[in-house]
C-alpha atoms as a PDB file:
ATOM      1  CA  MET A   1       2.987 -17.813  12.504  1.00  0.00           C
ATOM      2  CA  PRO A   2       0.192 -17.261   9.956  1.00  0.00           C
ATOM      3  CA  VAL A   3      -1.347 -13.821   9.763  1.00  0.00           C
ATOM      4  CA  LYS A   4      -5.020 -13.552  10.670  1.00  0.00           C
ATOM      5  CA  SER A   5      -6.658 -11.031   8.428  1.00  0.00           C
ATOM      6  CA  HIS A   6      -9.754 -10.562   6.339  1.00  0.00           C
ATOM      7  CA  PRO A   7     -10.587 -13.709   4.328  1.00  0.00           C
ATOM      8  CA  SER A   8     -10.155 -11.793   1.058  1.00  0.00           C
ATOM      9  CA  PHE A   9      -6.536 -10.838   1.889  1.00  0.00           C
ATOM     10  CA  LYS A  10      -4.119 -12.741  -0.330  1.00  0.00           C
ATOM     11  CA  ILE A  11      -0.491 -12.474  -1.397  1.00  0.00           C
ATOM     12  CA  SER A  12       0.668 -14.230  -4.539  1.00  0.00           C
ATOM     13  CA  THR A  13       3.855 -14.375  -6.592  1.00  0.00           C
ATOM     14  CA  PRO A  14       2.884 -14.689 -10.259  1.00  0.00           C
ATOM     15  CA  SER A  15       6.526 -14.444 -11.331  1.00  0.00           C
ATOM     16  CA  ASP A  16      10.043 -14.257  -9.899  1.00  0.00           C
ATOM     17  CA  LEU A  17       9.904 -10.455 -10.143  1.00  0.00           C
ATOM     18  CA  GLU A  18       6.490  -9.627  -8.719  1.00  0.00           C
ATOM     19  CA  ASN A  19       4.209 -10.011  -5.773  1.00  0.00           C
ATOM     20  CA  VAL A  20       0.512  -9.235  -5.744  1.00  0.00           C
ATOM     21  CA  ILE A  21      -1.617  -8.347  -2.738  1.00  0.00           C
ATOM     22  CA  THR A  22      -5.420  -8.341  -2.963  1.00  0.00           C
ATOM     23  CA  ARG A  23      -8.075  -7.401  -0.437  1.00  0.00           C
ATOM     24  CA  ALA A  24     -11.766  -6.491  -0.602  1.00  0.00           C
ATOM     25  CA  PHE A  25     -13.224  -3.509   1.261  1.00  0.00           C
ATOM     26  CA  ASP A  26     -16.863  -2.706   2.024  1.00  0.00           C
ATOM     27  CA  ALA A  27     -16.731   0.750   0.455  1.00  0.00           C
ATOM     28  CA  ARG A  28     -17.131   2.511  -2.874  1.00  0.00           C
ATOM     29  CA  ARG A  29     -13.973   2.621  -4.939  1.00  0.00           C
ATOM     30  CA  GLU A  30     -13.892   6.441  -5.067  1.00  0.00           C
ATOM     31  CA  LEU A  31     -13.620   6.493  -1.284  1.00  0.00           C
ATOM     32  CA  VAL A  32     -11.006   3.717  -1.222  1.00  0.00           C
ATOM     33  CA  PHE A  33      -8.982   5.545  -3.890  1.00  0.00           C
ATOM     34  CA  ASP A  34      -9.174   8.785  -1.893  1.00  0.00           C
ATOM     35  CA  CYS A  35      -8.040   6.985   1.268  1.00  0.00           C
ATOM     36  CA  TRP A  36      -5.126   5.571  -0.741  1.00  0.00           C
ATOM     37  CA  THR A  37      -4.008   8.953  -2.070  1.00  0.00           C
ATOM     38  CA  GLN A  38      -4.932  11.735   0.379  1.00  0.00           C
ATOM     39  CA  PRO A  39      -2.667  12.545   3.349  1.00  0.00           C
ATOM     40  CA  GLU A  40      -5.535  13.079   5.800  1.00  0.00           C
ATOM     41  CA  HIS A  41      -6.553   9.464   5.191  1.00  0.00           C
ATOM     42  CA  LEU A  42      -3.128   7.872   4.626  1.00  0.00           C
ATOM     43  CA  ARG A  43      -1.971   9.037   8.069  1.00  0.00           C
ATOM     44  CA  ARG A  44      -4.787   7.020   9.649  1.00  0.00           C
ATOM     45  CA  TRP A  45      -4.034   3.629   8.110  1.00  0.00           C
ATOM     46  CA  TRP A  46      -0.791   3.254   6.110  1.00  0.00           C
ATOM     47  CA  GLY A  47       1.708   1.074   7.970  1.00  0.00           C
ATOM     48  CA  CYS A  48       1.663  -1.661  10.554  1.00  0.00           C
ATOM     49  CA  ARG A  49      -0.171  -1.378  13.865  1.00  0.00           C
ATOM     50  CA  GLY A  50       1.591   0.859  16.335  1.00  0.00           C
ATOM     51  CA  ALA A  51       3.336   2.877  13.627  1.00  0.00           C
ATOM     52  CA  GLU A  52       2.657   6.596  13.309  1.00  0.00           C
ATOM     53  CA  MET A  53       3.107   8.487  10.074  1.00  0.00           C
ATOM     54  CA  ASP A  54       5.228  11.547  10.886  1.00  0.00           C
ATOM     55  CA  VAL A  55       5.668  12.652   7.274  1.00  0.00           C
ATOM     56  CA  CYS A  56       3.035  12.297   4.566  1.00  0.00           C
ATOM     57  CA  ASP A  57       3.792  14.441   1.537  1.00  0.00           C
ATOM     58  CA  VAL A  58       1.732  13.730  -1.576  1.00  0.00           C
ATOM     59  CA  ASP A  59       1.871  15.558  -4.915  1.00  0.00           C
ATOM     60  CA  LEU A  60      -0.796  13.517  -6.694  1.00  0.00           C
ATOM     61  CA  ARG A  61      -0.108  14.127 -10.383  1.00  0.00           C
ATOM     62  CA  PRO A  62       1.935  12.313 -13.011  1.00  0.00           C
ATOM     63  CA  GLY A  63       5.552  13.187 -12.210  1.00  0.00           C
ATOM     64  CA  GLY A  64       4.598  14.244  -8.685  1.00  0.00           C
ATOM     65  CA  ALA A  65       6.395  12.768  -5.695  1.00  0.00           C
ATOM     66  CA  TYR A  66       5.269  11.213  -2.445  1.00  0.00           C
ATOM     67  CA  ARG A  67       7.164  10.645   0.782  1.00  0.00           C
ATOM     68  CA  TYR A  68       6.060   8.820   3.931  1.00  0.00           C
ATOM     69  CA  THR A  69       7.992   8.435   7.154  1.00  0.00           C
ATOM     70  CA  LEU A  70       6.735   6.002   9.778  1.00  0.00           C
ATOM     71  CA  ARG A  71       7.787   6.114  13.407  1.00  0.00           C
ATOM     72  CA  MET A  72       7.738   2.552  14.674  1.00  0.00           C
ATOM     73  CA  PRO A  73       6.749   1.553  18.234  1.00  0.00           C
ATOM     74  CA  ASP A  74      10.453   1.102  19.133  1.00  0.00           C
ATOM     75  CA  GLY A  75      11.169   4.714  18.068  1.00  0.00           C
ATOM     76  CA  SER A  76      12.933   3.845  14.813  1.00  0.00           C
ATOM     77  CA  GLU A  77      11.894   5.496  11.557  1.00  0.00           C
ATOM     78  CA  CYS A  78      11.182   3.991   8.142  1.00  0.00           C
ATOM     79  CA  GLY A  79      11.038   6.167   5.033  1.00  0.00           C
ATOM     80  CA  PHE A  80       9.308   5.435   1.743  1.00  0.00           C
ATOM     81  CA  ARG A  81       9.180   7.523  -1.425  1.00  0.00           C
ATOM     82  CA  GLY A  82       8.352   7.439  -5.085  1.00  0.00           C
ATOM     83  CA  ILE A  83       7.085   9.218  -8.171  1.00  0.00           C
ATOM     84  CA  TYR A  84       3.554   8.938  -9.549  1.00  0.00           C
ATOM     85  CA  GLN A  85       3.566   7.753 -13.147  1.00  0.00           C
ATOM     86  CA  GLU A  86      -0.145   7.325 -13.853  1.00  0.00           C
ATOM     87  CA  ILE A  87      -3.264   8.400 -11.991  1.00  0.00           C
ATOM     88  CA  MET A  88      -6.689   7.300 -13.225  1.00  0.00           C
ATOM     89  CA  ARG A  89      -9.105   8.128 -10.404  1.00  0.00           C
ATOM     90  CA  PRO A  90     -10.707   5.908  -9.193  1.00  0.00           C
ATOM     91  CA  GLU A  91      -9.450   2.988 -11.283  1.00  0.00           C
ATOM     92  CA  ARG A  92      -5.676   2.799 -11.177  1.00  0.00           C
ATOM     93  CA  LEU A  93      -2.529   4.275  -9.712  1.00  0.00           C
ATOM     94  CA  ILE A  94       1.037   3.540 -10.876  1.00  0.00           C
ATOM     95  CA  HIS A  95       4.096   4.785  -9.009  1.00  0.00           C
ATOM     96  CA  SER A  96       7.680   3.961  -8.226  1.00  0.00           C
ATOM     97  CA  PHE A  97       8.487   2.754  -4.716  1.00  0.00           C
ATOM     98  CA  ILE A  98      11.727   3.095  -2.793  1.00  0.00           C
ATOM     99  CA  PHE A  99      12.260   1.973   0.797  1.00  0.00           C
ATOM    100  CA  ASP A 100      14.928   4.374   2.077  1.00  0.00           C
ATOM    101  CA  PRO A 101      17.308   1.742   3.512  1.00  0.00           C
ATOM    102  CA  TYR A 102      17.423   0.071   0.077  1.00  0.00           C
ATOM    103  CA  PRO A 103      17.571   2.852  -2.555  1.00  0.00           C
ATOM    104  CA  HIS A 104      19.280   0.445  -4.963  1.00  0.00           C
ATOM    105  CA  MET A 105      16.148  -1.760  -5.016  1.00  0.00           C
ATOM    106  CA  PRO A 106      13.365   0.394  -6.519  1.00  0.00           C
ATOM    107  CA  ALA A 107      10.098  -1.173  -7.575  1.00  0.00           C
ATOM    108  CA  GLU A 108       7.052  -0.190  -9.588  1.00  0.00           C
ATOM    109  CA  ILE A 109       3.637  -0.519  -7.964  1.00  0.00           C
ATOM    110  CA  THR A 110       0.354  -0.708  -9.854  1.00  0.00           C
ATOM    111  CA  VAL A 111      -2.766  -0.435  -7.707  1.00  0.00           C
ATOM    112  CA  THR A 112      -6.165  -1.174  -9.226  1.00  0.00           C
ATOM    113  CA  PHE A 113      -9.537  -0.520  -7.628  1.00  0.00           C
ATOM    114  CA  ALA A 114     -12.444  -2.657  -8.901  1.00  0.00           C
ATOM    115  CA  GLU A 115     -15.932  -2.221  -7.453  1.00  0.00           C
ATOM    116  CA  ARG A 116     -18.865  -4.599  -7.530  1.00  0.00           C
ATOM    117  CA  ASP A 117     -22.050  -4.072  -5.527  1.00  0.00           C
ATOM    118  CA  GLY A 118     -20.407  -1.549  -3.212  1.00  0.00           C
ATOM    119  CA  VAL A 119     -17.395  -3.766  -2.460  1.00  0.00           C
ATOM    120  CA  THR A 120     -14.034  -2.588  -3.769  1.00  0.00           C
ATOM    121  CA  THR A 121     -11.246  -5.056  -4.426  1.00  0.00           C
ATOM    122  CA  VAL A 122      -7.792  -3.518  -4.310  1.00  0.00           C
ATOM    123  CA  THR A 123      -5.014  -5.287  -6.203  1.00  0.00           C
ATOM    124  CA  GLU A 124      -1.496  -4.037  -5.508  1.00  0.00           C
ATOM    125  CA  ARG A 125       1.088  -5.448  -7.927  1.00  0.00           C
ATOM    126  CA  THR A 126       4.742  -4.772  -7.106  1.00  0.00           C
ATOM    127  CA  LEU A 127       7.251  -5.342  -9.904  1.00  0.00           C
ATOM    128  CA  HIS A 128      10.893  -5.628  -8.818  1.00  0.00           C
ATOM    129  CA  LEU A 129      14.010  -5.287 -10.951  1.00  0.00           C
ATOM    130  CA  THR A 130      15.514  -8.570  -9.726  1.00  0.00           C
ATOM    131  CA  LYS A 131      14.428 -11.867  -8.213  1.00  0.00           C
ATOM    132  CA  GLU A 132      16.610 -11.115  -5.186  1.00  0.00           C
ATOM    133  CA  ALA A 133      14.782  -7.835  -4.563  1.00  0.00           C
ATOM    134  CA  CYS A 134      11.424  -9.584  -4.853  1.00  0.00           C
ATOM    135  CA  ASP A 135      12.537 -12.341  -2.472  1.00  0.00           C
ATOM    136  CA  ASP A 136      13.853  -9.779   0.021  1.00  0.00           C
ATOM    137  CA  HIS A 137      10.531  -7.931  -0.103  1.00  0.00           C
ATOM    138  CA  LEU A 138       8.565 -11.126   0.469  1.00  0.00           C
ATOM    139  CA  HIS A 139      10.777 -12.104   3.417  1.00  0.00           C
ATOM    140  CA  SER A 140      10.568  -8.661   5.049  1.00  0.00           C
ATOM    141  CA  ARG A 141       7.371  -9.600   6.892  1.00  0.00           C
ATOM    142  CA  LEU A 142       5.351  -8.248   3.983  1.00  0.00           C
ATOM    143  CA  ASP A 143       2.493 -10.561   4.970  1.00  0.00           C
ATOM    144  CA  VAL A 144       2.258  -9.085   8.475  1.00  0.00           C
ATOM    145  CA  GLY A 145       2.772  -5.447   7.515  1.00  0.00           C
ATOM    146  CA  ALA A 146       0.394  -5.519   4.555  1.00  0.00           C
ATOM    147  CA  ALA A 147      -2.303  -7.419   6.455  1.00  0.00           C
ATOM    148  CA  GLU A 148      -2.156  -4.971   9.360  1.00  0.00           C
ATOM    149  CA  SER A 149      -2.107  -1.966   7.062  1.00  0.00           C
ATOM    150  CA  PHE A 150      -5.051  -3.221   5.007  1.00  0.00           C
ATOM    151  CA  ASP A 151      -6.969  -4.061   8.197  1.00  0.00           C
ATOM    152  CA  ARG A 152      -6.330  -0.506   9.393  1.00  0.00           C
ATOM    153  CA  LEU A 153      -7.642   0.800   6.063  1.00  0.00           C
ATOM    154  CA  ALA A 154     -10.835  -1.250   6.505  1.00  0.00           C
ATOM    155  CA  GLU A 155     -11.249   0.151  10.025  1.00  0.00           C
ATOM    156  CA  HIS A 156     -10.742   3.695   8.746  1.00  0.00           C
ATOM    157  CA  LEU A 157     -13.226   3.152   5.908  1.00  0.00           C
ATOM    158  CA  ASP A 158     -15.771   1.943   8.478  1.00  0.00           C
ATOM    159  CA  THR A 159     -15.528   5.306  10.255  1.00  0.00           C
ATOM    160  CA  LEU A 160     -16.276   7.086   6.972  1.00  0.00           C
ATOM    161  CA  THR A 161     -19.161   4.937   5.748  1.00  0.00           C
ATOM    162  CA  CYS A 162     -21.171   4.408   8.943  1.00  0.00           C
END
């Protein structure tokens, strides 16, 4: 079933090793960047609908680590972690990404924040080590989870900009 989300939400696969998610938000890029990197904001939007972030540890500096743990509606937990490699507020963020059940399949994520006329377009590029890892990521309901998460971010931004 297709995901209904904001018209600007798109997922593409420019190569066998990467997927790219884009979405526009009606907010300044400094605010979007802060919502992407600060625990008090991340807890409000990161993850699919119905998920609650029980752990949100962020050491936002090159070499610093992050760790998120989501409690899903069925009570199960999902953990995510990584190391920040580059932080250029409010333009770009590069970090490793590991989904705890698959520690052997790390990825590198580059997030860019581009603003025009008060609208910020976020581009999240995930680079995998293998085609199989990229395919697994794409078939893990990435479309649903990312769309819901990005919609939740838009809703959170609305509460901050009204």
